[in-house]
Amino acid sequence: MKDSEVKMLDENDHIFIETLRNLGMSRNVATTMAYLMNVTKLHPVK
């Protein structure tokens, strides 16, 4: 069985997403940017 971690966006992330959306960015791109800003380490796929 895989051991995995689920990342959740907090209130500040949602505010950031809404700010990007108000600037004309799509919700999917804004959410992806918010997620990537919170990633501290990238692990290779095994």
Protein backbone atom coordinates (compact mmCIF):
# COMPACT_ATOMS: atom_id res chain seq x y z
CA MET A 1 0.00 0.00 0.00
CA LYS A 2 1.22 3.48 -0.78
CA ASP A 3 1.72 6.02 1.95
CA SER A 4 0.59 9.41 0.66
CA GLU A 5 -0.14 12.89 1.90
CA VAL A 6 -3.12 15.02 0.90
CA LYS A 7 -2.47 18.73 0.51
CA MET A 8 -5.29 21.14 1.37
CA LEU A 9 -5.49 24.81 0.43
CA ASP A 10 -6.06 27.20 3.33
CA GLU A 11 -7.91 30.53 3.48
CA ASN A 12 -4.87 32.52 2.31
CA ASP A 13 -4.55 30.25 -0.72
CA HIS A 14 -8.20 30.82 -1.60
CA ILE A 15 -7.72 34.59 -1.31
CA PHE A 16 -4.69 34.33 -3.63
CA ILE A 17 -6.72 32.26 -6.11
CA GLU A 18 -9.55 34.81 -6.10
CA THR A 19 -7.04 37.63 -6.65
CA LEU A 20 -5.61 35.84 -9.68
CA ARG A 21 -9.12 35.16 -10.98
CA ASN A 22 -9.97 38.88 -10.64
CA LEU A 23 -6.93 39.58 -12.82
CA GLY A 24 -8.40 37.36 -15.53
CA MET A 25 -6.72 34.01 -14.86
CA SER A 26 -8.72 30.81 -15.11
CA ARG A 27 -9.63 29.01 -11.89
CA ASN A 28 -7.65 25.89 -12.84
CA VAL A 29 -4.45 27.81 -13.53
CA ALA A 30 -4.82 29.96 -10.41
CA THR A 31 -5.40 26.89 -8.23
CA THR A 32 -2.42 25.11 -9.76
CA MET A 33 -0.20 28.12 -9.06
CA ALA A 34 -1.39 28.26 -5.44
CA TYR A 35 -0.66 24.56 -5.03
CA LEU A 36 2.80 24.82 -6.58
CA MET A 37 3.68 27.74 -4.31
CA ASN A 38 3.13 25.41 -1.33
CA VAL A 39 5.25 22.52 -2.64
CA THR A 40 8.56 22.51 -0.81
CA LYS A 41 10.11 19.38 -2.33
CA LEU A 42 9.56 17.39 -5.46
CA HIS A 43 10.00 13.64 -5.19
CA PRO A 44 10.77 11.50 -8.23
CA VAL A 45 8.15 8.95 -9.20
CA LYS A 46 9.27 5.43 -8.34
